[in-house]
């Protein structure tokens, strides 16, 4: 289907960008339109360049802030209270009205204050 006289809306272009980034094929009518319409093709190329630039800047900032040492320390801080709060698993016995069922054990962490 060729869209003569109509151009793709920015939302369709952005959806196409997200689809490509996730490895999903672009909607076939949109792909066909992009192949036939130089204006929409140029607008899509600009969108891809802009989004890729934003992504690269974000990745660079994250790499600068989240150093391996900082991530290791954060991991240790998270695991420390979890290791101390481990409780033995319990089987909860329910009334007979539910029929003979096997319930899985639950691990419960104390509620934060």
PDB file of N, CA and C in Angstrom:
ATOM      1  N   UNK A   1       0.852  -1.167   0.000  1.00  0.00           N
ATOM      2  CA  UNK A   1       0.000   0.000   0.000  1.00  0.00           C
ATOM      3  C   UNK A   1       0.899   1.230   0.000  1.00  0.00           C
ATOM      4  N   UNK A   2       0.737   2.087  -0.955  1.00  0.00           N
ATOM      5  CA  UNK A   2       1.545   3.302  -1.063  1.00  0.00           C
ATOM      6  C   UNK A   2       0.681   4.485  -0.651  1.00  0.00           C
ATOM      7  N   UNK A   3       1.215   5.311   0.219  1.00  0.00           N
ATOM      8  CA  UNK A   3       0.501   6.480   0.725  1.00  0.00           C
ATOM      9  C   UNK A   3       0.886   7.684  -0.132  1.00  0.00           C
ATOM     10  N   UNK A   4       0.208   7.902  -1.184  1.00  0.00           N
ATOM     11  CA  UNK A   4       0.519   9.047  -2.046  1.00  0.00           C
ATOM     12  C   UNK A   4      -0.183  10.279  -1.469  1.00  0.00           C
ATOM     13  N   UNK A   5       0.571  11.339  -1.308  1.00  0.00           N
ATOM     14  CA  UNK A   5       0.001  12.582  -0.813  1.00  0.00           C
ATOM     15  C   UNK A   5      -0.081  12.651   0.701  1.00  0.00           C
ATOM     16  N   UNK A   6       0.145  11.552   1.379  1.00  0.00           N
ATOM     17  CA  UNK A   6       0.107  11.517   2.839  1.00  0.00           C
ATOM     18  C   UNK A   6       1.496  11.143   3.339  1.00  0.00           C
ATOM     19  N   UNK A   7       1.846  11.705   4.438  1.00  0.00           N
ATOM     20  CA  UNK A   7       3.127  11.360   5.044  1.00  0.00           C
ATOM     21  C   UNK A   7       2.873  10.666   6.373  1.00  0.00           C
ATOM     22  N   UNK A   8       3.850   9.919   6.800  1.00  0.00           N
ATOM     23  CA  UNK A   8       3.728   9.191   8.062  1.00  0.00           C
ATOM     24  C   UNK A   8       3.793  10.155   9.237  1.00  0.00           C
ATOM     25  N   UNK A   9       2.952   9.902  10.223  1.00  0.00           N
ATOM     26  CA  UNK A   9       2.982  10.717  11.433  1.00  0.00           C
ATOM     27  C   UNK A   9       4.206  10.352  12.252  1.00  0.00           C
ATOM     28  N   UNK A  10       4.642  11.296  13.078  1.00  0.00           N
ATOM     29  CA  UNK A  10       5.819  11.064  13.917  1.00  0.00           C
ATOM     30  C   UNK A  10       5.649   9.839  14.797  1.00  0.00           C
ATOM     31  N   UNK A  11       4.442   9.614  15.274  1.00  0.00           N
ATOM     32  CA  UNK A  11       4.185   8.453  16.134  1.00  0.00           C
ATOM     33  C   UNK A  11       4.462   7.147  15.384  1.00  0.00           C
ATOM     34  N   UNK A  12       4.054   7.061  14.121  1.00  0.00           N
ATOM     35  CA  UNK A  12       4.326   5.857  13.312  1.00  0.00           C
ATOM     36  C   UNK A  12       5.824   5.691  13.082  1.00  0.00           C
ATOM     37  N   UNK A  13       6.516   6.806  12.851  1.00  0.00           N
ATOM     38  CA  UNK A  13       7.963   6.740  12.663  1.00  0.00           C
ATOM     39  C   UNK A  13       8.649   6.260  13.937  1.00  0.00           C
ATOM     40  N   UNK A  14       8.205   6.788  15.085  1.00  0.00           N
ATOM     41  CA  UNK A  14       8.806   6.399  16.356  1.00  0.00           C
ATOM     42  C   UNK A  14       8.519   4.933  16.663  1.00  0.00           C
ATOM     43  N   UNK A  15       7.289   4.485  16.396  1.00  0.00           N
ATOM     44  CA  UNK A  15       6.962   3.064  16.582  1.00  0.00           C
ATOM     45  C   UNK A  15       7.859   2.190  15.705  1.00  0.00           C
ATOM     46  N   UNK A  16       8.135   2.651  14.499  1.00  0.00           N
ATOM     47  CA  UNK A  16       9.015   1.905  13.594  1.00  0.00           C
ATOM     48  C   UNK A  16      10.436   1.852  14.149  1.00  0.00           C
ATOM     49  N   UNK A  17      10.890   2.959  14.714  1.00  0.00           N
ATOM     50  CA  UNK A  17      12.223   3.001  15.323  1.00  0.00           C
ATOM     51  C   UNK A  17      12.303   1.994  16.477  1.00  0.00           C
ATOM     52  N   UNK A  18      11.289   2.004  17.340  1.00  0.00           N
ATOM     53  CA  UNK A  18      11.282   1.084  18.478  1.00  0.00           C
ATOM     54  C   UNK A  18      11.225  -0.365  18.011  1.00  0.00           C
ATOM     55  N   UNK A  19      10.458  -0.623  16.968  1.00  0.00           N
ATOM     56  CA  UNK A  19      10.374  -1.982  16.431  1.00  0.00           C
ATOM     57  C   UNK A  19      11.743  -2.433  15.934  1.00  0.00           C
ATOM     58  N   UNK A  20      12.408  -1.593  15.181  1.00  0.00           N
ATOM     59  CA  UNK A  20      13.739  -1.944  14.670  1.00  0.00           C
ATOM     60  C   UNK A  20      14.728  -2.186  15.800  1.00  0.00           C
ATOM     61  N   UNK A  21      14.680  -1.350  16.848  1.00  0.00           N
ATOM     62  CA  UNK A  21      15.594  -1.493  17.983  1.00  0.00           C
ATOM     63  C   UNK A  21      15.371  -2.806  18.713  1.00  0.00           C
ATOM     64  N   UNK A  22      14.119  -3.288  18.721  1.00  0.00           N
ATOM     65  CA  UNK A  22      13.814  -4.533  19.428  1.00  0.00           C
ATOM     66  C   UNK A  22      13.974  -5.756  18.533  1.00  0.00           C
ATOM     67  N   UNK A  23      14.307  -5.536  17.259  1.00  0.00           N
ATOM     68  CA  UNK A  23      14.487  -6.657  16.346  1.00  0.00           C
ATOM     69  C   UNK A  23      13.213  -7.095  15.649  1.00  0.00           C
ATOM     70  N   UNK A  24      12.142  -6.364  15.862  1.00  0.00           N
ATOM     71  CA  UNK A  24      10.865  -6.661  15.214  1.00  0.00           C
ATOM     72  C   UNK A  24      10.828  -5.952  13.867  1.00  0.00           C
ATOM     73  N   UNK A  25      10.295  -6.607  12.849  1.00  0.00           N
ATOM     74  CA  UNK A  25      10.222  -5.929  11.550  1.00  0.00           C
ATOM     75  C   UNK A  25       9.273  -4.731  11.595  1.00  0.00           C
ATOM     76  N   UNK A  26       9.597  -3.727  10.803  1.00  0.00           N
ATOM     77  CA  UNK A  26       8.720  -2.559  10.675  1.00  0.00           C
ATOM     78  C   UNK A  26       7.438  -3.003   9.978  1.00  0.00           C
ATOM     79  N   UNK A  27       6.326  -2.391  10.346  1.00  0.00           N
ATOM     80  CA  UNK A  27       5.046  -2.656   9.715  1.00  0.00           C
ATOM     81  C   UNK A  27       5.230  -2.566   8.189  1.00  0.00           C
ATOM     82  N   UNK A  28       4.880  -3.607   7.429  1.00  0.00           N
ATOM     83  CA  UNK A  28       5.139  -3.605   5.981  1.00  0.00           C
ATOM     84  C   UNK A  28       4.628  -2.377   5.225  1.00  0.00           C
ATOM     85  N   UNK A  29       3.396  -1.878   5.472  1.00  0.00           N
ATOM     86  CA  UNK A  29       2.984  -0.668   4.757  1.00  0.00           C
ATOM     87  C   UNK A  29       3.873   0.541   5.076  1.00  0.00           C
ATOM     88  N   UNK A  30       4.335   0.634   6.311  1.00  0.00           N
ATOM     89  CA  UNK A  30       5.219   1.736   6.693  1.00  0.00           C
ATOM     90  C   UNK A  30       6.566   1.582   5.989  1.00  0.00           C
ATOM     91  N   UNK A  31       7.097   0.372   5.980  1.00  0.00           N
ATOM     92  CA  UNK A  31       8.375   0.131   5.300  1.00  0.00           C
ATOM     93  C   UNK A  31       8.268   0.458   3.815  1.00  0.00           C
ATOM     94  N   UNK A  32       7.151   0.094   3.213  1.00  0.00           N
ATOM     95  CA  UNK A  32       6.941   0.392   1.795  1.00  0.00           C
ATOM     96  C   UNK A  32       6.877   1.899   1.566  1.00  0.00           C
ATOM     97  N   UNK A  33       6.160   2.581   2.463  1.00  0.00           N
ATOM     98  CA  UNK A  33       6.058   4.036   2.334  1.00  0.00           C
ATOM     99  C   UNK A  33       7.433   4.694   2.482  1.00  0.00           C
ATOM    100  N   UNK A  34       8.204   4.233   3.453  1.00  0.00           N
ATOM    101  CA  UNK A  34       9.544   4.796   3.647  1.00  0.00           C
ATOM    102  C   UNK A  34      10.423   4.575   2.423  1.00  0.00           C
ATOM    103  N   UNK A  35      10.228   3.459   1.748  1.00  0.00           N
ATOM    104  CA  UNK A  35      11.019   3.183   0.548  1.00  0.00           C
ATOM    105  C   UNK A  35      10.613   4.083  -0.617  1.00  0.00           C
ATOM    106  N   UNK A  36       9.343   4.525  -0.630  1.00  0.00           N
ATOM    107  CA  UNK A  36       8.823   5.322  -1.747  1.00  0.00           C
ATOM    108  C   UNK A  36       8.838   6.830  -1.508  1.00  0.00           C
ATOM    109  N   UNK A  37       8.835   7.253  -0.246  1.00  0.00           N
ATOM    110  CA  UNK A  37       8.684   8.672   0.071  1.00  0.00           C
ATOM    111  C   UNK A  37       9.998   9.218   0.627  1.00  0.00           C
ATOM    112  N   UNK A  38      10.663  10.033  -0.126  1.00  0.00           N
ATOM    113  CA  UNK A  38      11.960  10.584   0.296  1.00  0.00           C
ATOM    114  C   UNK A  38      11.826  11.489   1.518  1.00  0.00           C
ATOM    115  N   UNK A  39      10.705  12.223   1.608  1.00  0.00           N
ATOM    116  CA  UNK A  39      10.512  13.125   2.745  1.00  0.00           C
ATOM    117  C   UNK A  39      10.386  12.328   4.049  1.00  0.00           C
ATOM    118  N   UNK A  40       9.573  11.284   4.034  1.00  0.00           N
ATOM    119  CA  UNK A  40       9.409  10.463   5.234  1.00  0.00           C
ATOM    120  C   UNK A  40      10.685   9.683   5.541  1.00  0.00           C
ATOM    121  N   UNK A  41      11.376   9.239   4.505  1.00  0.00           N
ATOM    122  CA  UNK A  41      12.639   8.535   4.696  1.00  0.00           C
ATOM    123  C   UNK A  41      13.658   9.444   5.384  1.00  0.00           C
ATOM    124  N   UNK A  42      13.717  10.705   4.954  1.00  0.00           N
ATOM    125  CA  UNK A  42      14.643  11.664   5.565  1.00  0.00           C
ATOM    126  C   UNK A  42      14.243  11.965   7.012  1.00  0.00           C
ATOM    127  N   UNK A  43      12.945  12.102   7.246  1.00  0.00           N
ATOM    128  CA  UNK A  43      12.471  12.373   8.609  1.00  0.00           C
ATOM    129  C   UNK A  43      12.785  11.184   9.514  1.00  0.00           C
ATOM    130  N   UNK A  44      12.623   9.967   8.996  1.00  0.00           N
ATOM    131  CA  UNK A  44      12.926   8.772   9.778  1.00  0.00           C
ATOM    132  C   UNK A  44      14.432   8.693  10.074  1.00  0.00           C
ATOM    133  N   UNK A  45      15.251   9.000   9.078  1.00  0.00           N
ATOM    134  CA  UNK A  45      16.707   8.989   9.280  1.00  0.00           C
ATOM    135  C   UNK A  45      17.113  10.002  10.347  1.00  0.00           C
ATOM    136  N   UNK A  46      16.477  11.185  10.350  1.00  0.00           N
ATOM    137  CA  UNK A  46      16.755  12.194  11.377  1.00  0.00           C
ATOM    138  C   UNK A  46      16.358  11.681  12.763  1.00  0.00           C
ATOM    139  N   UNK A  47      15.201  11.026  12.839  1.00  0.00           N
ATOM    140  CA  UNK A  47      14.735  10.470  14.107  1.00  0.00           C
ATOM    141  C   UNK A  47      15.721   9.423  14.618  1.00  0.00           C
ATOM    142  N   UNK A  48      16.157   8.526  13.749  1.00  0.00           N
ATOM    143  CA  UNK A  48      17.113   7.482  14.138  1.00  0.00           C
ATOM    144  C   UNK A  48      18.410   8.111  14.629  1.00  0.00           C
ATOM    145  N   UNK A  49      18.924   9.106  13.906  1.00  0.00           N
ATOM    146  CA  UNK A  49      20.159   9.784  14.327  1.00  0.00           C
ATOM    147  C   UNK A  49      19.994  10.429  15.703  1.00  0.00           C
ATOM    148  N   UNK A  50      18.881  11.115  15.900  1.00  0.00           N
ATOM    149  CA  UNK A  50      18.624  11.791  17.181  1.00  0.00           C
ATOM    150  C   UNK A  50      18.542  10.783  18.325  1.00  0.00           C
ATOM    151  N   UNK A  51      17.761   9.728  18.138  1.00  0.00           N
ATOM    152  CA  UNK A  51      17.588   8.735  19.196  1.00  0.00           C
ATOM    153  C   UNK A  51      18.883   7.981  19.475  1.00  0.00           C
ATOM    154  N   UNK A  52      19.644   7.669  18.441  1.00  0.00           N
ATOM    155  CA  UNK A  52      20.920   6.983  18.647  1.00  0.00           C
ATOM    156  C   UNK A  52      21.918   7.872  19.382  1.00  0.00           C
ATOM    157  N   UNK A  53      21.883   9.182  19.107  1.00  0.00           N
ATOM    158  CA  UNK A  53      22.752  10.119  19.811  1.00  0.00           C
ATOM    159  C   UNK A  53      22.380  10.188  21.289  1.00  0.00           C
ATOM    160  N   UNK A  54      21.081  10.272  21.571  1.00  0.00           N
ATOM    161  CA  UNK A  54      20.611  10.308  22.966  1.00  0.00           C
ATOM    162  C   UNK A  54      21.008   9.031  23.686  1.00  0.00           C
ATOM    163  N   UNK A  55      20.845   7.894  23.023  1.00  0.00           N
ATOM    164  CA  UNK A  55      21.202   6.608  23.628  1.00  0.00           C
ATOM    165  C   UNK A  55      22.706   6.541  23.922  1.00  0.00           C
ATOM    166  N   UNK A  56      23.514   6.972  22.984  1.00  0.00           N
ATOM    167  CA  UNK A  56      24.970   6.942  23.173  1.00  0.00           C
ATOM    168  C   UNK A  56      25.386   7.846  24.335  1.00  0.00           C
ATOM    169  N   UNK A  57      24.781   9.030  24.430  1.00  0.00           N
ATOM    170  CA  UNK A  57      25.083   9.934  25.538  1.00  0.00           C
ATOM    171  C   UNK A  57      24.670   9.318  26.871  1.00  0.00           C
ATOM    172  N   UNK A  58      23.510   8.696  26.907  1.00  0.00           N
ATOM    173  CA  UNK A  58      23.040   8.042  28.133  1.00  0.00           C
ATOM    174  C   UNK A  58      23.941   6.885  28.536  1.00  0.00           C
ATOM    175  N   UNK A  59      24.353   6.093  27.558  1.00  0.00           N
ATOM    176  CA  UNK A  59      25.259   4.975  27.847  1.00  0.00           C
ATOM    177  C   UNK A  59      26.592   5.480  28.402  1.00  0.00           C
ATOM    178  N   UNK A  60      27.097   6.568  27.819  1.00  0.00           N
ATOM    179  CA  UNK A  60      28.373   7.128  28.287  1.00  0.00           C
ATOM    180  C   UNK A  60      28.236   7.652  29.721  1.00  0.00           C
ATOM    181  N   UNK A  61      27.148   8.343  30.015  1.00  0.00           N
ATOM    182  CA  UNK A  61      26.936   8.865  31.372  1.00  0.00           C
ATOM    183  C   UNK A  61      26.774   7.728  32.369  1.00  0.00           C
ATOM    184  N   UNK A  62      26.043   6.686  31.987  1.00  0.00           N
ATOM    185  CA  UNK A  62      25.852   5.546  32.887  1.00  0.00           C
ATOM    186  C   UNK A  62      27.173   4.846  33.158  1.00  0.00           C
ATOM    187  N   UNK A  63      27.985   4.669  32.126  1.00  0.00           N
ATOM    188  CA  UNK A  63      29.286   4.017  32.308  1.00  0.00           C
ATOM    189  C   UNK A  63      30.193   4.840  33.220  1.00  0.00           C
ATOM    190  N   UNK A  64      30.070   6.153  33.131  1.00  0.00           N
ATOM    191  CA  UNK A  64      30.874   7.036  33.965  1.00  0.00           C
ATOM    192  C   UNK A  64      30.439   6.970  35.427  1.00  0.00           C
ATOM    193  N   UNK A  65      29.143   6.898  35.664  1.00  0.00           N
ATOM    194  CA  UNK A  65      28.616   6.890  37.027  1.00  0.00           C
ATOM    195  C   UNK A  65      28.619   5.510  37.663  1.00  0.00           C
ATOM    196  N   UNK A  66      28.320   4.497  36.875  1.00  0.00           N
ATOM    197  CA  UNK A  66      28.171   3.147  37.418  1.00  0.00           C
ATOM    198  C   UNK A  66      29.425   2.327  37.139  1.00  0.00           C
ATOM    199  N   UNK A  67      30.464   2.655  37.857  1.00  0.00           N
ATOM    200  CA  UNK A  67      31.734   1.939  37.694  1.00  0.00           C
ATOM    201  C   UNK A  67      31.596   0.525  38.268  1.00  0.00           C
ATOM    202  N   UNK A  68      32.422  -0.400  37.834  1.00  0.00           N
ATOM    203  CA  UNK A  68      32.356  -1.759  38.382  1.00  0.00           C
ATOM    204  C   UNK A  68      32.500  -1.788  39.911  1.00  0.00           C
ATOM    205  N   UNK A  69      33.368  -0.949  40.451  1.00  0.00           N
ATOM    206  CA  UNK A  69      33.542  -0.905  41.910  1.00  0.00           C
ATOM    207  C   UNK A  69      32.267  -0.428  42.598  1.00  0.00           C
ATOM    208  N   UNK A  70      31.655   0.604  42.064  1.00  0.00           N
ATOM    209  CA  UNK A  70      30.420   1.122  42.662  1.00  0.00           C
ATOM    210  C   UNK A  70      29.306   0.076  42.592  1.00  0.00           C
ATOM    211  N   UNK A  71      29.187  -0.632  41.475  1.00  0.00           N
ATOM    212  CA  UNK A  71      28.171  -1.676  41.344  1.00  0.00           C
ATOM    213  C   UNK A  71      28.443  -2.832  42.307  1.00  0.00           C
ATOM    214  N   UNK A  72      29.721  -3.179  42.502  1.00  0.00           N
ATOM    215  CA  UNK A  72      30.069  -4.248  43.446  1.00  0.00           C
ATOM    216  C   UNK A  72      29.676  -3.862  44.869  1.00  0.00           C
ATOM    217  N   UNK A  73      29.967  -2.622  45.259  1.00  0.00           N
ATOM    218  CA  UNK A  73      29.597  -2.157  46.604  1.00  0.00           C
ATOM    219  C   UNK A  73      28.079  -2.142  46.783  1.00  0.00           C
ATOM    220  N   UNK A  74      27.376  -1.684  45.762  1.00  0.00           N
ATOM    221  CA  UNK A  74      25.915  -1.655  45.841  1.00  0.00           C
ATOM    222  C   UNK A  74      25.362  -3.072  45.963  1.00  0.00           C
ATOM    223  N   UNK A  75      25.924  -3.994  45.236  1.00  0.00           N
ATOM    224  CA  UNK A  75      25.505  -5.389  45.304  1.00  0.00           C
ATOM    225  C   UNK A  75      25.696  -5.937  46.719  1.00  0.00           C
ATOM    226  N   UNK A  76      26.840  -5.648  47.316  1.00  0.00           N
ATOM    227  CA  UNK A  76      27.106  -6.099  48.680  1.00  0.00           C
ATOM    228  C   UNK A  76      26.120  -5.473  49.673  1.00  0.00           C
ATOM    229  N   UNK A  77      25.820  -4.183  49.495  1.00  0.00           N
ATOM    230  CA  UNK A  77      24.884  -3.507  50.397  1.00  0.00           C
ATOM    231  C   UNK A  77      23.489  -4.112  50.296  1.00  0.00           C
ATOM    232  N   UNK A  78      23.112  -4.544  49.134  1.00  0.00           N
ATOM    233  CA  UNK A  78      21.794  -5.144  48.961  1.00  0.00           C
ATOM    234  C   UNK A  78      21.757  -6.552  49.543  1.00  0.00           C
ATOM    235  N   UNK A  79      22.804  -7.325  49.322  1.00  0.00           N
ATOM    236  CA  UNK A  79      22.819  -8.711  49.802  1.00  0.00           C
ATOM    237  C   UNK A  79      22.942  -8.833  51.310  1.00  0.00           C
ATOM    238  N   UNK A  80      23.646  -7.900  51.955  1.00  0.00           N
ATOM    239  CA  UNK A  80      23.885  -7.988  53.401  1.00  0.00           C
ATOM    240  C   UNK A  80      22.579  -8.117  54.200  1.00  0.00           C
ATOM    241  N   UNK A  81      21.615  -7.225  54.036  1.00  0.00           N
ATOM    242  CA  UNK A  81      20.388  -7.388  54.828  1.00  0.00           C
ATOM    243  C   UNK A  81      19.567  -8.616  54.412  1.00  0.00           C
ATOM    244  N   UNK A  82      19.651  -8.993  53.163  1.00  0.00           N
ATOM    245  CA  UNK A  82      18.900 -10.169  52.715  1.00  0.00           C
ATOM    246  C   UNK A  82      19.450 -11.428  53.383  1.00  0.00           C
ATOM    247  N   UNK A  83      20.748 -11.537  53.458  1.00  0.00           N
ATOM    248  CA  UNK A  83      21.367 -12.707  54.093  1.00  0.00           C
ATOM    249  C   UNK A  83      21.003 -12.795  55.566  1.00  0.00           C
ATOM    250  N   UNK A  84      20.882 -11.654  56.241  1.00  0.00           N
ATOM    251  CA  UNK A  84      20.535 -11.656  57.668  1.00  0.00           C
ATOM    252  C   UNK A  84      19.048 -11.884  57.900  1.00  0.00           C
ATOM    253  N   UNK A  85      18.234 -11.626  56.934  1.00  0.00           N
ATOM    254  CA  UNK A  85      16.784 -11.705  57.122  1.00  0.00           C
ATOM    255  C   UNK A  85      16.181 -13.019  56.650  1.00  0.00           C
ATOM    256  N   UNK A  86      16.994 -13.926  56.177  1.00  0.00           N
ATOM    257  CA  UNK A  86      16.449 -15.199  55.693  1.00  0.00           C
ATOM    258  C   UNK A  86      15.709 -15.913  56.811  1.00  0.00           C
ATOM    259  N   UNK A  87      14.507 -16.332  56.496  1.00  0.00           N
ATOM    260  CA  UNK A  87      13.698 -17.084  57.456  1.00  0.00           C
ATOM    261  C   UNK A  87      13.463 -18.475  56.887  1.00  0.00           C
ATOM    262  N   UNK A  88      13.261 -19.427  57.760  1.00  0.00           N
ATOM    263  CA  UNK A  88      12.985 -20.784  57.301  1.00  0.00           C
ATOM    264  C   UNK A  88      11.648 -20.801  56.549  1.00  0.00           C
ATOM    265  N   UNK A  89      11.597 -21.587  55.513  1.00  0.00           N
ATOM    266  CA  UNK A  89      10.365 -21.703  54.738  1.00  0.00           C
ATOM    267  C   UNK A  89       9.311 -22.408  55.580  1.00  0.00           C
ATOM    268  N   UNK A  90       8.058 -21.990  55.401  1.00  0.00           N
ATOM    269  CA  UNK A  90       6.963 -22.590  56.154  1.00  0.00           C
ATOM    270  C   UNK A  90       5.898 -23.060  55.173  1.00  0.00           C
ATOM    271  N   UNK A  91       5.258 -24.163  55.513  1.00  0.00           N
ATOM    272  CA  UNK A  91       4.106 -24.630  54.753  1.00  0.00           C
ATOM    273  C   UNK A  91       2.885 -24.139  55.505  1.00  0.00           C
ATOM    274  N   UNK A  92       2.016 -23.465  54.787  1.00  0.00           N
ATOM    275  CA  UNK A  92       0.815 -22.923  55.424  1.00  0.00           C
ATOM    276  C   UNK A  92      -0.309 -23.929  55.247  1.00  0.00           C
ATOM    277  N   UNK A  93      -0.910 -24.356  56.353  1.00  0.00           N
ATOM    278  CA  UNK A  93      -2.003 -25.319  56.328  1.00  0.00           C
ATOM    279  C   UNK A  93      -3.312 -24.539  56.243  1.00  0.00           C
ATOM    280  N   UNK A  94      -4.067 -24.763  55.179  1.00  0.00           N
ATOM    281  CA  UNK A  94      -5.325 -24.057  54.977  1.00  0.00           C
ATOM    282  C   UNK A  94      -6.492 -24.948  55.373  1.00  0.00           C
ATOM    283  N   UNK A  95      -7.646 -24.345  55.671  1.00  0.00           N
ATOM    284  CA  UNK A  95      -8.832 -25.142  56.013  1.00  0.00           C
ATOM    285  C   UNK A  95      -9.197 -26.086  54.872  1.00  0.00           C
ATOM    286  N   UNK A  96      -9.915 -27.175  55.212  1.00  0.00           N
ATOM    287  CA  UNK A  96     -10.257 -28.223  54.253  1.00  0.00           C
ATOM    288  C   UNK A  96     -11.171 -27.808  53.123  1.00  0.00           C
ATOM    289  N   UNK A  97     -11.851 -26.677  53.221  1.00  0.00           N
ATOM    290  CA  UNK A  97     -12.797 -26.292  52.181  1.00  0.00           C
ATOM    291  C   UNK A  97     -12.150 -26.077  50.823  1.00  0.00           C
ATOM    292  N   UNK A  98     -10.850 -25.869  50.797  1.00  0.00           N
ATOM    293  CA  UNK A  98     -10.157 -25.647  49.541  1.00  0.00           C
ATOM    294  C   UNK A  98      -9.790 -26.958  48.857  1.00  0.00           C
ATOM    295  N   UNK A  99     -10.034 -28.069  49.504  1.00  0.00           N
ATOM    296  CA  UNK A  99      -9.717 -29.356  48.906  1.00  0.00           C
ATOM    297  C   UNK A  99      -8.262 -29.709  49.110  1.00  0.00           C
ATOM    298  N   UNK A 100      -7.914 -30.926  48.729  1.00  0.00           N
ATOM    299  CA  UNK A 100      -6.522 -31.346  48.914  1.00  0.00           C
ATOM    300  C   UNK A 100      -5.618 -30.664  47.887  1.00  0.00           C
ATOM    301  N   UNK A 101      -4.856 -29.701  48.339  1.00  0.00           N
ATOM    302  CA  UNK A 101      -3.922 -28.977  47.490  1.00  0.00           C
ATOM    303  C   UNK A 101      -2.583 -28.913  48.184  1.00  0.00           C
ATOM    304  N   UNK A 102      -1.567 -28.822  47.405  1.00  0.00           N
ATOM    305  CA  UNK A 102      -0.237 -28.628  47.957  1.00  0.00           C
ATOM    306  C   UNK A 102       0.115 -27.167  47.810  1.00  0.00           C
ATOM    307  N   UNK A 103       0.435 -26.535  48.889  1.00  0.00           N
ATOM    308  CA  UNK A 103       0.810 -25.125  48.864  1.00  0.00           C
ATOM    309  C   UNK A 103       2.328 -25.036  48.884  1.00  0.00           C
ATOM    310  N   UNK A 104       2.851 -24.062  48.178  1.00  0.00           N
ATOM    311  CA  UNK A 104       4.295 -23.875  48.167  1.00  0.00           C
ATOM    312  C   UNK A 104       4.718 -23.078  49.384  1.00  0.00           C
ATOM    313  N   UNK A 105       5.931 -23.284  49.785  1.00  0.00           N
ATOM    314  CA  UNK A 105       6.469 -22.564  50.941  1.00  0.00           C
ATOM    315  C   UNK A 105       6.758 -21.127  50.551  1.00  0.00           C
ATOM    316  N   UNK A 106       6.619 -20.249  51.515  1.00  0.00           N
ATOM    317  CA  UNK A 106       6.851 -18.830  51.276  1.00  0.00           C
ATOM    318  C   UNK A 106       8.020 -18.362  52.128  1.00  0.00           C
ATOM    319  N   UNK A 107       8.874 -17.591  51.551  1.00  0.00           N
ATOM    320  CA  UNK A 107       9.931 -16.916  52.311  1.00  0.00           C
ATOM    321  C   UNK A 107       9.442 -15.493  52.529  1.00  0.00           C
ATOM    322  N   UNK A 108       9.444 -15.062  53.743  1.00  0.00           N
ATOM    323  CA  UNK A 108       8.950 -13.726  54.033  1.00  0.00           C
ATOM    324  C   UNK A 108      10.067 -12.897  54.626  1.00  0.00           C
ATOM    325  N   UNK A 109      10.213 -11.698  54.110  1.00  0.00           N
ATOM    326  CA  UNK A 109      11.151 -10.744  54.679  1.00  0.00           C
ATOM    327  C   UNK A 109      10.385  -9.846  55.632  1.00  0.00           C
ATOM    328  N   UNK A 110      11.026  -9.371  56.676  1.00  0.00           N
ATOM    329  CA  UNK A 110      10.327  -8.484  57.597  1.00  0.00           C
ATOM    330  C   UNK A 110       9.893  -7.203  56.870  1.00  0.00           C
ATOM    331  N   UNK A 111       8.741  -6.687  57.279  1.00  0.00           N
ATOM    332  CA  UNK A 111       8.243  -5.443  56.689  1.00  0.00           C
ATOM    333  C   UNK A 111       9.168  -4.296  57.057  1.00  0.00           C
ATOM    334  N   UNK A 112       9.498  -3.440  56.048  1.00  0.00           N
ATOM    335  CA  UNK A 112      10.350  -2.276  56.372  1.00  0.00           C
ATOM    336  C   UNK A 112       9.593  -1.310  57.257  1.00  0.00           C
ATOM    337  N   UNK A 113      10.308  -0.658  58.116  1.00  0.00           N
ATOM    338  CA  UNK A 113       9.662   0.311  59.022  1.00  0.00           C
ATOM    339  C   UNK A 113       9.461   1.612  58.380  1.00  0.00           C
TER     340      UNK A 113
END
